[in-house]
Amino acid sequence: MPVTSLSAVESCTTSKELVDENIYPLNQLNDLLLLMPYKLYQKLFDTQSVGKHVRHVLEHYQTLLAGLKESVQKNNIDYEQRDRQTALEEDPSVAAQTVDKLRAELQALAHQPVDIPIMVNYSVDPSGNNLTLPSSLGRELAFLMSHTVHHMALIRLLCESMNMTLSSDFGVHPSTQRFWQKNIH
């Protein structure tokens, strides 16, 4: 992956660099999904499975993208109110199809300004009280990138425990990759 330079991300006015950074781990996830046997995808380790982590990641992207489409909600996002789709955690081919769709929808955002305002609902207690926090498209894409890589690192550990070898940068944040690139060369 040609890792985007930090200065390019800091100075971007469109979402292209952030979209590209999100698409890279989705490509890695898709590669894994195309090779992953159903049995291993669904294998439970206590309450966790590769499929559950994949579902969680994909539903976060779906939530952002759906919120951007809903003009009635005025870019209001609530990651806790995701549509939990069991097919995404049970069937790697369904998850791979969803990744394809998400990549296309993300690409469509590449020329959008990073400062498009978004409101994020954040639950603060079990009774449903929410904080409504101001954010932006760029900030949410940055959040999704970190969130995705975090779950991919967990997926990596699950895969390694099943004797599956993944690429050395699977589940590694681009900032770490940039650091490695800078300090290894």
C-alpha atoms as a PDB file:
ATOM      1  CA  MET A   1       0.000   0.000   0.000  1.00  0.00           C
ATOM      2  CA  PRO A   2       1.367   3.397  -0.817  1.00  0.00           C
ATOM      3  CA  VAL A   3       0.909   4.890   2.634  1.00  0.00           C
ATOM      4  CA  THR A   4      -0.434   8.437   2.488  1.00  0.00           C
ATOM      5  CA  SER A   5       1.974  10.935   3.939  1.00  0.00           C
ATOM      6  CA  LEU A   6       0.851  12.561   7.161  1.00  0.00           C
ATOM      7  CA  SER A   7       1.238  16.041   5.697  1.00  0.00           C
ATOM      8  CA  ALA A   8      -1.138  15.134   2.845  1.00  0.00           C
ATOM      9  CA  VAL A   9      -3.816  14.019   5.306  1.00  0.00           C
ATOM     10  CA  GLU A  10      -3.376  17.099   7.479  1.00  0.00           C
ATOM     11  CA  SER A  11      -3.781  19.467   4.563  1.00  0.00           C
ATOM     12  CA  CYS A  12      -6.555  17.712   2.651  1.00  0.00           C
ATOM     13  CA  THR A  13      -9.715  19.594   1.818  1.00  0.00           C
ATOM     14  CA  THR A  14     -11.537  16.655   0.262  1.00  0.00           C
ATOM     15  CA  SER A  15     -12.101  13.253   1.777  1.00  0.00           C
ATOM     16  CA  LYS A  16     -10.020  11.394  -0.821  1.00  0.00           C
ATOM     17  CA  GLU A  17      -7.026  10.590   1.399  1.00  0.00           C
ATOM     18  CA  LEU A  18      -9.257   9.473   4.258  1.00  0.00           C
ATOM     19  CA  VAL A  19     -11.420   7.413   1.906  1.00  0.00           C
ATOM     20  CA  ASP A  20      -8.281   5.749   0.511  1.00  0.00           C
ATOM     21  CA  GLU A  21      -7.043   4.992   4.017  1.00  0.00           C
ATOM     22  CA  ASN A  22     -10.395   3.347   4.828  1.00  0.00           C
ATOM     23  CA  ILE A  23     -10.532   1.358   1.626  1.00  0.00           C
ATOM     24  CA  TYR A  24      -7.118  -0.221   2.187  1.00  0.00           C
ATOM     25  CA  PRO A  25      -8.115  -2.236   5.293  1.00  0.00           C
ATOM     26  CA  LEU A  26     -11.462  -3.037   3.677  1.00  0.00           C
ATOM     27  CA  ASN A  27      -9.494  -4.538   0.766  1.00  0.00           C
ATOM     28  CA  GLN A  28      -7.477  -6.601   3.245  1.00  0.00           C
ATOM     29  CA  LEU A  29     -10.670  -7.688   4.974  1.00  0.00           C
ATOM     30  CA  ASN A  30     -12.188  -8.642   1.636  1.00  0.00           C
ATOM     31  CA  ASP A  31      -9.132 -10.764   0.765  1.00  0.00           C
ATOM     32  CA  LEU A  32      -9.536 -12.598   4.066  1.00  0.00           C
ATOM     33  CA  LEU A  33     -13.278 -13.095   3.532  1.00  0.00           C
ATOM     34  CA  LEU A  34     -12.724 -14.661   0.114  1.00  0.00           C
ATOM     35  CA  LEU A  35     -10.406 -17.279   1.652  1.00  0.00           C
ATOM     36  CA  MET A  36     -12.067 -17.817   5.009  1.00  0.00           C
ATOM     37  CA  PRO A  37     -13.844 -21.156   5.502  1.00  0.00           C
ATOM     38  CA  TYR A  38     -17.335 -20.807   7.019  1.00  0.00           C
ATOM     39  CA  LYS A  39     -16.422 -22.972   9.999  1.00  0.00           C
ATOM     40  CA  LEU A  40     -13.432 -20.800  10.952  1.00  0.00           C
ATOM     41  CA  TYR A  41     -15.337 -17.571  10.243  1.00  0.00           C
ATOM     42  CA  GLN A  42     -18.030 -18.611  12.731  1.00  0.00           C
ATOM     43  CA  LYS A  43     -15.748 -20.338  15.271  1.00  0.00           C
ATOM     44  CA  LEU A  44     -16.430 -18.929  18.725  1.00  0.00           C
ATOM     45  CA  PHE A  45     -13.701 -18.009  21.166  1.00  0.00           C
ATOM     46  CA  ASP A  46     -15.821 -17.392  24.239  1.00  0.00           C
ATOM     47  CA  THR A  47     -18.192 -14.755  22.760  1.00  0.00           C
ATOM     48  CA  GLN A  48     -15.940 -13.624  19.888  1.00  0.00           C
ATOM     49  CA  SER A  49     -15.508 -14.800  16.318  1.00  0.00           C
ATOM     50  CA  VAL A  50     -13.952 -13.400  13.164  1.00  0.00           C
ATOM     51  CA  GLY A  51     -17.483 -13.022  11.804  1.00  0.00           C
ATOM     52  CA  LYS A  52     -18.690 -11.007  14.799  1.00  0.00           C
ATOM     53  CA  HIS A  53     -15.789  -8.564  14.441  1.00  0.00           C
ATOM     54  CA  VAL A  54     -16.368  -8.252  10.693  1.00  0.00           C
ATOM     55  CA  ARG A  55     -20.084  -7.593  11.229  1.00  0.00           C
ATOM     56  CA  HIS A  56     -19.304  -4.944  13.818  1.00  0.00           C
ATOM     57  CA  VAL A  57     -16.860  -3.137  11.516  1.00  0.00           C
ATOM     58  CA  LEU A  58     -19.114  -3.239   8.453  1.00  0.00           C
ATOM     59  CA  GLU A  59     -22.158  -2.026  10.368  1.00  0.00           C
ATOM     60  CA  HIS A  60     -20.232   1.048  11.525  1.00  0.00           C
ATOM     61  CA  TYR A  61     -19.526   1.962   7.910  1.00  0.00           C
ATOM     62  CA  GLN A  62     -23.150   1.271   6.995  1.00  0.00           C
ATOM     63  CA  THR A  63     -24.305   3.537   9.826  1.00  0.00           C
ATOM     64  CA  LEU A  64     -22.174   6.458   8.674  1.00  0.00           C
ATOM     65  CA  LEU A  65     -23.166   6.042   5.040  1.00  0.00           C
ATOM     66  CA  ALA A  66     -26.865   5.669   5.855  1.00  0.00           C
ATOM     67  CA  GLY A  67     -26.747   8.759   8.057  1.00  0.00           C
ATOM     68  CA  LEU A  68     -25.218  10.773   5.234  1.00  0.00           C
ATOM     69  CA  LYS A  69     -28.042   9.680   2.898  1.00  0.00           C
ATOM     70  CA  GLU A  70     -30.857  10.507   5.298  1.00  0.00           C
ATOM     71  CA  SER A  71     -31.614  14.160   4.630  1.00  0.00           C
ATOM     72  CA  VAL A  72     -34.365  13.997   7.258  1.00  0.00           C
ATOM     73  CA  GLN A  73     -31.783  13.161   9.938  1.00  0.00           C
ATOM     74  CA  LYS A  74     -29.468  15.937   8.739  1.00  0.00           C
ATOM     75  CA  ASN A  75     -26.289  13.841   8.942  1.00  0.00           C
ATOM     76  CA  ASN A  76     -27.176  12.486  12.366  1.00  0.00           C
ATOM     77  CA  ILE A  77     -25.208   9.321  13.187  1.00  0.00           C
ATOM     78  CA  ASP A  78     -25.749   6.896  16.052  1.00  0.00           C
ATOM     79  CA  TYR A  79     -23.319   3.981  15.954  1.00  0.00           C
ATOM     80  CA  GLU A  80     -25.174   2.188  18.760  1.00  0.00           C
ATOM     81  CA  GLN A  81     -28.379   2.062  16.711  1.00  0.00           C
ATOM     82  CA  ARG A  82     -26.886  -0.166  14.021  1.00  0.00           C
ATOM     83  CA  ASP A  83     -28.902  -2.797  12.222  1.00  0.00           C
ATOM     84  CA  ARG A  84     -27.203  -5.904  13.590  1.00  0.00           C
ATOM     85  CA  GLN A  85     -27.207  -8.284  10.635  1.00  0.00           C
ATOM     86  CA  THR A  86     -26.441 -11.860  11.641  1.00  0.00           C
ATOM     87  CA  ALA A  87     -25.799 -12.854   8.003  1.00  0.00           C
ATOM     88  CA  LEU A  88     -22.685 -10.652   8.071  1.00  0.00           C
ATOM     89  CA  GLU A  89     -21.234 -12.637  10.964  1.00  0.00           C
ATOM     90  CA  GLU A  90     -22.332 -16.052   9.710  1.00  0.00           C
ATOM     91  CA  ASP A  91     -21.494 -15.960   6.004  1.00  0.00           C
ATOM     92  CA  PRO A  92     -18.170 -14.596   4.735  1.00  0.00           C
ATOM     93  CA  SER A  93     -19.550 -14.311   1.186  1.00  0.00           C
ATOM     94  CA  VAL A  94     -22.349 -11.996   2.395  1.00  0.00           C
ATOM     95  CA  ALA A  95     -19.750  -9.950   4.252  1.00  0.00           C
ATOM     96  CA  ALA A  96     -17.558  -9.795   1.110  1.00  0.00           C
ATOM     97  CA  GLN A  97     -20.510  -8.538  -0.956  1.00  0.00           C
ATOM     98  CA  THR A  98     -21.136  -5.896   1.693  1.00  0.00           C
ATOM     99  CA  VAL A  99     -17.479  -4.839   1.609  1.00  0.00           C
ATOM    100  CA  ASP A 100     -17.767  -4.371  -2.181  1.00  0.00           C
ATOM    101  CA  LYS A 101     -20.814  -2.157  -1.744  1.00  0.00           C
ATOM    102  CA  LEU A 102     -19.208  -0.139   1.063  1.00  0.00           C
ATOM    103  CA  ARG A 103     -16.037   0.460  -0.950  1.00  0.00           C
ATOM    104  CA  ALA A 104     -18.109   1.841  -3.819  1.00  0.00           C
ATOM    105  CA  GLU A 105     -20.108   4.083  -1.490  1.00  0.00           C
ATOM    106  CA  LEU A 106     -16.932   5.327   0.182  1.00  0.00           C
ATOM    107  CA  GLN A 107     -15.352   6.082  -3.213  1.00  0.00           C
ATOM    108  CA  ALA A 108     -18.370   8.269  -3.948  1.00  0.00           C
ATOM    109  CA  LEU A 109     -17.391  10.386  -0.917  1.00  0.00           C
ATOM    110  CA  ALA A 110     -13.819  10.960  -2.110  1.00  0.00           C
ATOM    111  CA  HIS A 111     -14.495  14.435  -3.490  1.00  0.00           C
ATOM    112  CA  GLN A 112     -16.697  15.569  -0.629  1.00  0.00           C
ATOM    113  CA  PRO A 113     -15.249  18.219   1.698  1.00  0.00           C
ATOM    114  CA  VAL A 114     -13.807  16.845   4.940  1.00  0.00           C
ATOM    115  CA  ASP A 115     -15.660  19.496   6.916  1.00  0.00           C
ATOM    116  CA  ILE A 116     -19.223  18.384   6.077  1.00  0.00           C
ATOM    117  CA  PRO A 117     -20.957  18.716   9.460  1.00  0.00           C
ATOM    118  CA  ILE A 118     -22.232  15.565  11.129  1.00  0.00           C
ATOM    119  CA  MET A 119     -23.923  15.150  14.489  1.00  0.00           C
ATOM    120  CA  VAL A 120     -23.043  11.995  16.406  1.00  0.00           C
ATOM    121  CA  ASN A 121     -25.355  10.629  19.086  1.00  0.00           C
ATOM    122  CA  TYR A 122     -23.488   9.025  21.933  1.00  0.00           C
ATOM    123  CA  SER A 123     -25.333   7.086  24.640  1.00  0.00           C
ATOM    124  CA  VAL A 124     -24.196   7.931  28.137  1.00  0.00           C
ATOM    125  CA  ASP A 125     -26.413   5.603  30.173  1.00  0.00           C
ATOM    126  CA  PRO A 126     -28.722   2.568  29.833  1.00  0.00           C
ATOM    127  CA  SER A 127     -31.893   4.681  29.915  1.00  0.00           C
ATOM    128  CA  GLY A 128     -31.091   6.026  26.466  1.00  0.00           C
ATOM    129  CA  ASN A 129     -29.896   9.512  27.339  1.00  0.00           C
ATOM    130  CA  ASN A 130     -27.693  10.747  24.535  1.00  0.00           C
ATOM    131  CA  LEU A 131     -25.117  13.399  24.040  1.00  0.00           C
ATOM    132  CA  THR A 132     -25.236  14.948  20.591  1.00  0.00           C
ATOM    133  CA  LEU A 133     -21.712  15.770  19.546  1.00  0.00           C
ATOM    134  CA  PRO A 134     -20.636  17.866  16.570  1.00  0.00           C
ATOM    135  CA  SER A 135     -18.298  16.134  14.162  1.00  0.00           C
ATOM    136  CA  SER A 136     -17.432  16.147  10.473  1.00  0.00           C
ATOM    137  CA  LEU A 137     -17.113  13.696   7.611  1.00  0.00           C
ATOM    138  CA  GLY A 138     -13.329  13.801   7.929  1.00  0.00           C
ATOM    139  CA  ARG A 139     -13.395  13.130  11.665  1.00  0.00           C
ATOM    140  CA  GLU A 140     -15.804  10.209  11.259  1.00  0.00           C
ATOM    141  CA  LEU A 141     -13.696   8.696   8.460  1.00  0.00           C
ATOM    142  CA  ALA A 142     -10.656   9.003  10.729  1.00  0.00           C
ATOM    143  CA  PHE A 143     -12.619   7.347  13.560  1.00  0.00           C
ATOM    144  CA  LEU A 144     -13.763   4.510  11.282  1.00  0.00           C
ATOM    145  CA  MET A 145     -10.198   3.924  10.135  1.00  0.00           C
ATOM    146  CA  SER A 146      -8.927   3.518  13.697  1.00  0.00           C
ATOM    147  CA  HIS A 147     -11.975   1.482  14.706  1.00  0.00           C
ATOM    148  CA  THR A 148     -11.548  -0.851  11.716  1.00  0.00           C
ATOM    149  CA  VAL A 149      -7.840  -1.405  12.300  1.00  0.00           C
ATOM    150  CA  HIS A 150      -8.465  -2.086  15.997  1.00  0.00           C
ATOM    151  CA  HIS A 151     -10.940  -4.846  15.141  1.00  0.00           C
ATOM    152  CA  MET A 152      -8.693  -6.173  12.395  1.00  0.00           C
ATOM    153  CA  ALA A 153      -5.907  -6.548  14.960  1.00  0.00           C
ATOM    154  CA  LEU A 154      -8.305  -8.664  17.031  1.00  0.00           C
ATOM    155  CA  ILE A 155      -9.286 -10.631  13.917  1.00  0.00           C
ATOM    156  CA  ARG A 156      -5.579 -11.219  13.283  1.00  0.00           C
ATOM    157  CA  LEU A 157      -5.172 -12.729  16.765  1.00  0.00           C
ATOM    158  CA  LEU A 158      -8.182 -14.988  16.225  1.00  0.00           C
ATOM    159  CA  CYS A 159      -6.836 -16.089  12.827  1.00  0.00           C
ATOM    160  CA  GLU A 160      -3.380 -16.771  14.234  1.00  0.00           C
ATOM    161  CA  SER A 161      -4.939 -18.922  16.950  1.00  0.00           C
ATOM    162  CA  MET A 162      -6.474 -20.966  14.107  1.00  0.00           C
ATOM    163  CA  ASN A 163      -3.067 -21.229  12.365  1.00  0.00           C
ATOM    164  CA  MET A 164      -3.990 -18.779   9.600  1.00  0.00           C
ATOM    165  CA  THR A 165      -1.206 -16.486   8.430  1.00  0.00           C
ATOM    166  CA  LEU A 166      -2.119 -12.942   7.432  1.00  0.00           C
ATOM    167  CA  SER A 167      -0.016 -10.225   5.837  1.00  0.00           C
ATOM    168  CA  SER A 168       2.332  -8.402   8.212  1.00  0.00           C
ATOM    169  CA  ASP A 169       0.332  -5.168   7.874  1.00  0.00           C
ATOM    170  CA  PHE A 170      -3.101  -6.702   8.540  1.00  0.00           C
ATOM    171  CA  GLY A 171      -4.511  -4.848  11.541  1.00  0.00           C
ATOM    172  CA  VAL A 172      -1.741  -2.246  11.567  1.00  0.00           C
ATOM    173  CA  HIS A 173      -2.763   1.427  11.514  1.00  0.00           C
ATOM    174  CA  PRO A 174      -1.400   3.573   8.677  1.00  0.00           C
ATOM    175  CA  SER A 175       0.333   5.831  11.219  1.00  0.00           C
ATOM    176  CA  THR A 176       2.318   2.809  12.414  1.00  0.00           C
ATOM    177  CA  GLN A 177       3.045   1.818   8.824  1.00  0.00           C
ATOM    178  CA  ARG A 178       4.309   5.356   8.140  1.00  0.00           C
ATOM    179  CA  PHE A 179       6.494   5.167  11.253  1.00  0.00           C
ATOM    180  CA  TRP A 180       7.908   1.811  10.143  1.00  0.00           C
ATOM    181  CA  GLN A 181       8.523   3.130   6.640  1.00  0.00           C
ATOM    182  CA  LYS A 182      10.297   6.206   7.939  1.00  0.00           C
ATOM    183  CA  ASN A 183      12.467   4.350  10.445  1.00  0.00           C
ATOM    184  CA  ILE A 184      13.287   1.244   8.442  1.00  0.00           C
ATOM    185  CA  HIS A 185      14.482   3.009   5.307  1.00  0.00           C
END
